[in-house]
Amino acid sequence: MPQQPHPGDAYSNIPPSQPQPWTGADGQPLPPPPTSSAASGGAKDNRVRLIAAGAAVLAVLVIGVVGYTVWDTFVREDSGVAACKAMSEGRQPDGSDDAGEDAKLTEAQYREARKVFEDSRHEKIREHGTALMDIVWQVDQLDDEEALGALAFMGPLGTHMSGLQTACADQGVIVNLNKD
């Protein structure tokens, strides 16, 4: 007598002459095949690992940016303040020794001295220091026959010299730019 299917059985509509799904040759049930949720466990693990790696990279990046900001703001001496200190000690803004009154300023020296002020975090030191270096460069490039042309630079020279002195003093460095 054929076995009657149980009314709640999912396979009750399959005729008894056909082999039942999930049964072996002996009629015993086979273990179910892996489901999509079991197969996706590996994919979930990969996503978790990827998210963890991304979070670690992001954390290292944030720590690096914060560390550099702290070092640049609080540890490293500002290039403009260092130039103020050098000038207060009678040295050139770029830290080199004074070459004397008659020595011509080379373009490399001008660019290096200007960059010292350009890289300052302090706006007034940056403004007056770069302008002062530009004026010094322009006056230095005048020929002996054009010496009277230097008088045209006296107003801006005085403005930026006193502005740089004030900017340096605001940072605690007293500079006397007037030669004795």
C-alpha atoms as a PDB file:
ATOM      1  CA  MET A   1       0.000   0.000   0.000  1.00  0.00           C
ATOM      2  CA  PRO A   2       1.452   3.352  -0.952  1.00  0.00           C
ATOM      3  CA  GLN A   3       2.204   5.649   1.855  1.00  0.00           C
ATOM      4  CA  GLN A   4      -0.145   8.563   2.143  1.00  0.00           C
ATOM      5  CA  PRO A   5       1.561  11.934   2.393  1.00  0.00           C
ATOM      6  CA  HIS A   6       1.103  13.949   5.512  1.00  0.00           C
ATOM      7  CA  PRO A   7      -1.240  16.852   4.846  1.00  0.00           C
ATOM      8  CA  GLY A   8       1.365  19.471   5.968  1.00  0.00           C
ATOM      9  CA  ASP A   9       4.207  17.912   3.952  1.00  0.00           C
ATOM     10  CA  ALA A  10       5.710  20.216   1.312  1.00  0.00           C
ATOM     11  CA  TYR A  11       6.206  17.313  -1.045  1.00  0.00           C
ATOM     12  CA  SER A  12       2.659  15.933  -0.775  1.00  0.00           C
ATOM     13  CA  ASN A  13       1.888  16.844  -4.363  1.00  0.00           C
ATOM     14  CA  ILE A  14       4.676  14.586  -5.781  1.00  0.00           C
ATOM     15  CA  PRO A  15       3.344  11.215  -6.846  1.00  0.00           C
ATOM     16  CA  PRO A  16       4.773   8.220  -4.883  1.00  0.00           C
ATOM     17  CA  SER A  17       6.236   6.642  -8.037  1.00  0.00           C
ATOM     18  CA  GLN A  18       8.824   9.409  -8.347  1.00  0.00           C
ATOM     19  CA  PRO A  19      11.822   9.523  -5.981  1.00  0.00           C
ATOM     20  CA  GLN A  20      11.291  11.960  -3.180  1.00  0.00           C
ATOM     21  CA  PRO A  21      13.636  14.938  -3.130  1.00  0.00           C
ATOM     22  CA  TRP A  22      16.299  14.863  -0.425  1.00  0.00           C
ATOM     23  CA  THR A  23      16.167  11.100  -0.072  1.00  0.00           C
ATOM     24  CA  GLY A  24      18.871   8.606  -0.904  1.00  0.00           C
ATOM     25  CA  ALA A  25      18.489   5.278  -2.735  1.00  0.00           C
ATOM     26  CA  ASP A  26      17.543   3.637   0.546  1.00  0.00           C
ATOM     27  CA  GLY A  27      14.710   6.118   1.046  1.00  0.00           C
ATOM     28  CA  GLN A  28      16.408   7.796   3.991  1.00  0.00           C
ATOM     29  CA  PRO A  29      16.465  11.622   4.052  1.00  0.00           C
ATOM     30  CA  LEU A  30      19.702  13.276   2.912  1.00  0.00           C
ATOM     31  CA  PRO A  31      21.170  16.288   4.700  1.00  0.00           C
ATOM     32  CA  PRO A  32      19.901  19.485   3.128  1.00  0.00           C
ATOM     33  CA  PRO A  33      22.201  21.243   0.634  1.00  0.00           C
ATOM     34  CA  PRO A  34      23.962  24.352   1.845  1.00  0.00           C
ATOM     35  CA  THR A  35      21.635  27.305   1.860  1.00  0.00           C
ATOM     36  CA  SER A  36      22.481  30.738   0.582  1.00  0.00           C
ATOM     37  CA  SER A  37      22.791  32.016   4.157  1.00  0.00           C
ATOM     38  CA  ALA A  38      25.484  29.425   4.930  1.00  0.00           C
ATOM     39  CA  ALA A  39      27.324  30.247   1.705  1.00  0.00           C
ATOM     40  CA  SER A  40      27.139  33.960   2.387  1.00  0.00           C
ATOM     41  CA  GLY A  41      28.868  33.501   5.760  1.00  0.00           C
ATOM     42  CA  GLY A  42      32.220  33.703   3.953  1.00  0.00           C
ATOM     43  CA  ALA A  43      31.139  36.850   2.137  1.00  0.00           C
ATOM     44  CA  LYS A  44      30.021  38.405   5.419  1.00  0.00           C
ATOM     45  CA  ASP A  45      33.399  37.568   6.953  1.00  0.00           C
ATOM     46  CA  ASN A  46      35.128  39.242   4.007  1.00  0.00           C
ATOM     47  CA  ARG A  47      32.956  42.348   4.362  1.00  0.00           C
ATOM     48  CA  VAL A  48      33.698  42.514   8.089  1.00  0.00           C
ATOM     49  CA  ARG A  49      37.425  42.176   7.398  1.00  0.00           C
ATOM     50  CA  LEU A  50      37.247  44.853   4.694  1.00  0.00           C
ATOM     51  CA  ILE A  51      35.376  47.243   6.984  1.00  0.00           C
ATOM     52  CA  ALA A  52      37.857  46.587   9.811  1.00  0.00           C
ATOM     53  CA  ALA A  53      40.819  47.195   7.475  1.00  0.00           C
ATOM     54  CA  GLY A  54      39.213  50.395   6.185  1.00  0.00           C
ATOM     55  CA  ALA A  55      38.594  51.597   9.734  1.00  0.00           C
ATOM     56  CA  ALA A  56      42.219  50.840  10.670  1.00  0.00           C
ATOM     57  CA  VAL A  57      43.532  52.774   7.663  1.00  0.00           C
ATOM     58  CA  LEU A  58      41.224  55.677   8.469  1.00  0.00           C
ATOM     59  CA  ALA A  59      42.357  55.678  12.114  1.00  0.00           C
ATOM     60  CA  VAL A  60      46.042  55.734  11.094  1.00  0.00           C
ATOM     61  CA  LEU A  61      45.328  58.572   8.656  1.00  0.00           C
ATOM     62  CA  VAL A  62      43.487  60.636  11.280  1.00  0.00           C
ATOM     63  CA  ILE A  63      46.251  60.062  13.842  1.00  0.00           C
ATOM     64  CA  GLY A  64      48.842  61.102  11.256  1.00  0.00           C
ATOM     65  CA  VAL A  65      47.017  64.306  10.335  1.00  0.00           C
ATOM     66  CA  VAL A  66      46.435  65.256  13.976  1.00  0.00           C
ATOM     67  CA  GLY A  67      50.060  64.443  14.834  1.00  0.00           C
ATOM     68  CA  TYR A  68      51.413  66.551  11.986  1.00  0.00           C
ATOM     69  CA  THR A  69      49.130  69.446  12.906  1.00  0.00           C
ATOM     70  CA  VAL A  70      50.298  69.358  16.528  1.00  0.00           C
ATOM     71  CA  TRP A  71      53.947  69.123  15.465  1.00  0.00           C
ATOM     72  CA  ASP A  72      53.612  71.922  12.904  1.00  0.00           C
ATOM     73  CA  THR A  73      51.672  74.217  15.239  1.00  0.00           C
ATOM     74  CA  PHE A  74      53.272  73.649  18.642  1.00  0.00           C
ATOM     75  CA  VAL A  75      56.596  71.834  18.243  1.00  0.00           C
ATOM     76  CA  ARG A  76      58.260  73.143  15.089  1.00  0.00           C
ATOM     77  CA  GLU A  77      59.444  76.718  15.275  1.00  0.00           C
ATOM     78  CA  ASP A  78      57.793  79.002  12.755  1.00  0.00           C
ATOM     79  CA  SER A  79      60.184  79.977   9.946  1.00  0.00           C
ATOM     80  CA  GLY A  80      59.215  83.664  10.245  1.00  0.00           C
ATOM     81  CA  VAL A  81      59.838  83.719  14.004  1.00  0.00           C
ATOM     82  CA  ALA A  82      63.169  81.953  13.422  1.00  0.00           C
ATOM     83  CA  ALA A  83      64.040  84.688  10.888  1.00  0.00           C
ATOM     84  CA  CYS A  84      63.102  87.358  13.458  1.00  0.00           C
ATOM     85  CA  LYS A  85      65.432  85.691  15.980  1.00  0.00           C
ATOM     86  CA  ALA A  86      68.231  85.509  13.397  1.00  0.00           C
ATOM     87  CA  MET A  87      67.836  89.204  12.546  1.00  0.00           C
ATOM     88  CA  SER A  88      67.801  90.161  16.245  1.00  0.00           C
ATOM     89  CA  GLU A  89      71.168  88.364  16.547  1.00  0.00           C
ATOM     90  CA  GLY A  90      72.579  90.197  13.506  1.00  0.00           C
ATOM     91  CA  ARG A  91      72.320  87.261  11.079  1.00  0.00           C
ATOM     92  CA  GLN A  92      70.467  87.074   7.762  1.00  0.00           C
ATOM     93  CA  PRO A  93      66.829  85.834   7.776  1.00  0.00           C
ATOM     94  CA  ASP A  94      67.895  82.585   6.104  1.00  0.00           C
ATOM     95  CA  GLY A  95      70.416  81.971   8.916  1.00  0.00           C
ATOM     96  CA  SER A  96      73.544  82.723   6.849  1.00  0.00           C
ATOM     97  CA  ASP A  97      76.147  85.263   7.893  1.00  0.00           C
ATOM     98  CA  ASP A  98      76.000  88.830   6.581  1.00  0.00           C
ATOM     99  CA  ALA A  99      77.979  89.063   3.326  1.00  0.00           C
ATOM    100  CA  GLY A 100      78.726  92.758   3.765  1.00  0.00           C
ATOM    101  CA  GLU A 101      77.313  95.952   2.312  1.00  0.00           C
ATOM    102  CA  ASP A 102      78.975  95.728  -1.098  1.00  0.00           C
ATOM    103  CA  ALA A 103      78.039  92.118  -1.865  1.00  0.00           C
ATOM    104  CA  LYS A 104      75.291  91.638  -4.462  1.00  0.00           C
ATOM    105  CA  LEU A 105      72.377  89.434  -3.516  1.00  0.00           C
ATOM    106  CA  THR A 106      72.056  86.434  -5.825  1.00  0.00           C
ATOM    107  CA  GLU A 107      68.658  85.340  -7.056  1.00  0.00           C
ATOM    108  CA  ALA A 108      68.972  82.065  -5.121  1.00  0.00           C
ATOM    109  CA  GLN A 109      69.711  83.974  -1.890  1.00  0.00           C
ATOM    110  CA  TYR A 110      66.765  86.284  -2.527  1.00  0.00           C
ATOM    111  CA  ARG A 111      64.390  83.374  -3.168  1.00  0.00           C
ATOM    112  CA  GLU A 112      65.631  81.510  -0.089  1.00  0.00           C
ATOM    113  CA  ALA A 113      65.270  84.555   2.183  1.00  0.00           C
ATOM    114  CA  ARG A 114      61.828  85.347   0.773  1.00  0.00           C
ATOM    115  CA  LYS A 115      60.668  81.725   1.249  1.00  0.00           C
ATOM    116  CA  VAL A 116      61.570  81.910   4.943  1.00  0.00           C
ATOM    117  CA  PHE A 117      58.949  84.634   5.368  1.00  0.00           C
ATOM    118  CA  GLU A 118      56.525  83.077   2.871  1.00  0.00           C
ATOM    119  CA  ASP A 119      56.326  79.882   4.926  1.00  0.00           C
ATOM    120  CA  SER A 120      55.503  81.676   8.183  1.00  0.00           C
ATOM    121  CA  ARG A 121      52.194  80.862   9.895  1.00  0.00           C
ATOM    122  CA  HIS A 122      51.952  84.476  11.099  1.00  0.00           C
ATOM    123  CA  GLU A 123      50.179  86.707   8.590  1.00  0.00           C
ATOM    124  CA  LYS A 124      51.975  89.967   9.477  1.00  0.00           C
ATOM    125  CA  ILE A 125      55.436  88.381   9.426  1.00  0.00           C
ATOM    126  CA  ARG A 126      54.573  86.804   6.076  1.00  0.00           C
ATOM    127  CA  GLU A 127      53.220  90.080   4.663  1.00  0.00           C
ATOM    128  CA  HIS A 128      55.980  92.448   5.796  1.00  0.00           C
ATOM    129  CA  GLY A 129      58.847  89.974   5.510  1.00  0.00           C
ATOM    130  CA  THR A 130      58.145  89.035   1.893  1.00  0.00           C
ATOM    131  CA  ALA A 131      57.543  92.679   0.925  1.00  0.00           C
ATOM    132  CA  LEU A 132      60.800  93.717   2.622  1.00  0.00           C
ATOM    133  CA  MET A 133      62.734  90.985   0.772  1.00  0.00           C
ATOM    134  CA  ASP A 134      61.157  92.093  -2.522  1.00  0.00           C
ATOM    135  CA  ILE A 135      62.212  95.717  -1.932  1.00  0.00           C
ATOM    136  CA  VAL A 136      65.744  94.701  -0.909  1.00  0.00           C
ATOM    137  CA  TRP A 137      65.994  92.599  -4.089  1.00  0.00           C
ATOM    138  CA  GLN A 138      64.769  95.455  -6.298  1.00  0.00           C
ATOM    139  CA  VAL A 139      67.134  97.999  -4.751  1.00  0.00           C
ATOM    140  CA  ASP A 140      70.022  95.548  -4.949  1.00  0.00           C
ATOM    141  CA  GLN A 141      69.438  95.097  -8.684  1.00  0.00           C
ATOM    142  CA  LEU A 142      69.860  98.836  -9.408  1.00  0.00           C
ATOM    143  CA  ASP A 143      73.093  99.847 -11.130  1.00  0.00           C
ATOM    144  CA  ASP A 144      75.367 102.502  -9.620  1.00  0.00           C
ATOM    145  CA  GLU A 145      74.061 104.997 -12.184  1.00  0.00           C
ATOM    146  CA  GLU A 146      70.507 104.335 -10.953  1.00  0.00           C
ATOM    147  CA  ALA A 147      71.316 104.859  -7.274  1.00  0.00           C
ATOM    148  CA  LEU A 148      68.954 107.800  -7.036  1.00  0.00           C
ATOM    149  CA  GLY A 149      66.166 105.442  -8.099  1.00  0.00           C
ATOM    150  CA  ALA A 150      66.495 103.749  -4.712  1.00  0.00           C
ATOM    151  CA  LEU A 151      64.906 106.839  -3.163  1.00  0.00           C
ATOM    152  CA  ALA A 152      61.596 105.725  -4.657  1.00  0.00           C
ATOM    153  CA  PHE A 153      61.729 102.649  -2.421  1.00  0.00           C
ATOM    154  CA  MET A 154      62.342 104.537   0.832  1.00  0.00           C
ATOM    155  CA  GLY A 155      58.643 104.917   1.767  1.00  0.00           C
ATOM    156  CA  PRO A 156      57.687 101.246   1.276  1.00  0.00           C
ATOM    157  CA  LEU A 157      61.012 100.152   2.810  1.00  0.00           C
ATOM    158  CA  GLY A 158      60.286 102.082   6.021  1.00  0.00           C
ATOM    159  CA  THR A 159      56.702 100.814   6.137  1.00  0.00           C
ATOM    160  CA  HIS A 160      57.672  97.154   5.827  1.00  0.00           C
ATOM    161  CA  MET A 161      60.704  97.446   8.124  1.00  0.00           C
ATOM    162  CA  SER A 162      58.577  98.863  10.919  1.00  0.00           C
ATOM    163  CA  GLY A 163      55.770  96.389  10.105  1.00  0.00           C
ATOM    164  CA  LEU A 164      58.201  93.462  10.367  1.00  0.00           C
ATOM    165  CA  GLN A 165      59.626  94.800  13.624  1.00  0.00           C
ATOM    166  CA  THR A 166      56.110  94.990  15.052  1.00  0.00           C
ATOM    167  CA  ALA A 167      55.177  91.542  13.756  1.00  0.00           C
ATOM    168  CA  CYS A 168      58.326  90.056  15.305  1.00  0.00           C
ATOM    169  CA  ALA A 169      57.666  91.873  18.589  1.00  0.00           C
ATOM    170  CA  ASP A 170      54.140  90.411  18.591  1.00  0.00           C
ATOM    171  CA  GLN A 171      55.842  87.004  18.704  1.00  0.00           C
ATOM    172  CA  GLY A 172      58.191  88.030  21.513  1.00  0.00           C
ATOM    173  CA  VAL A 173      61.276  88.820  19.422  1.00  0.00           C
ATOM    174  CA  ILE A 174      62.715  92.348  19.425  1.00  0.00           C
ATOM    175  CA  VAL A 175      64.460  93.192  16.165  1.00  0.00           C
ATOM    176  CA  ASN A 176      66.453  96.336  15.401  1.00  0.00           C
ATOM    177  CA  LEU A 177      66.599  96.543  11.612  1.00  0.00           C
ATOM    178  CA  ASN A 178      68.244  99.989  11.673  1.00  0.00           C
ATOM    179  CA  LYS A 179      71.990  99.634  11.070  1.00  0.00           C
ATOM    180  CA  ASP A 180      74.237 101.543  13.474  1.00  0.00           C
END
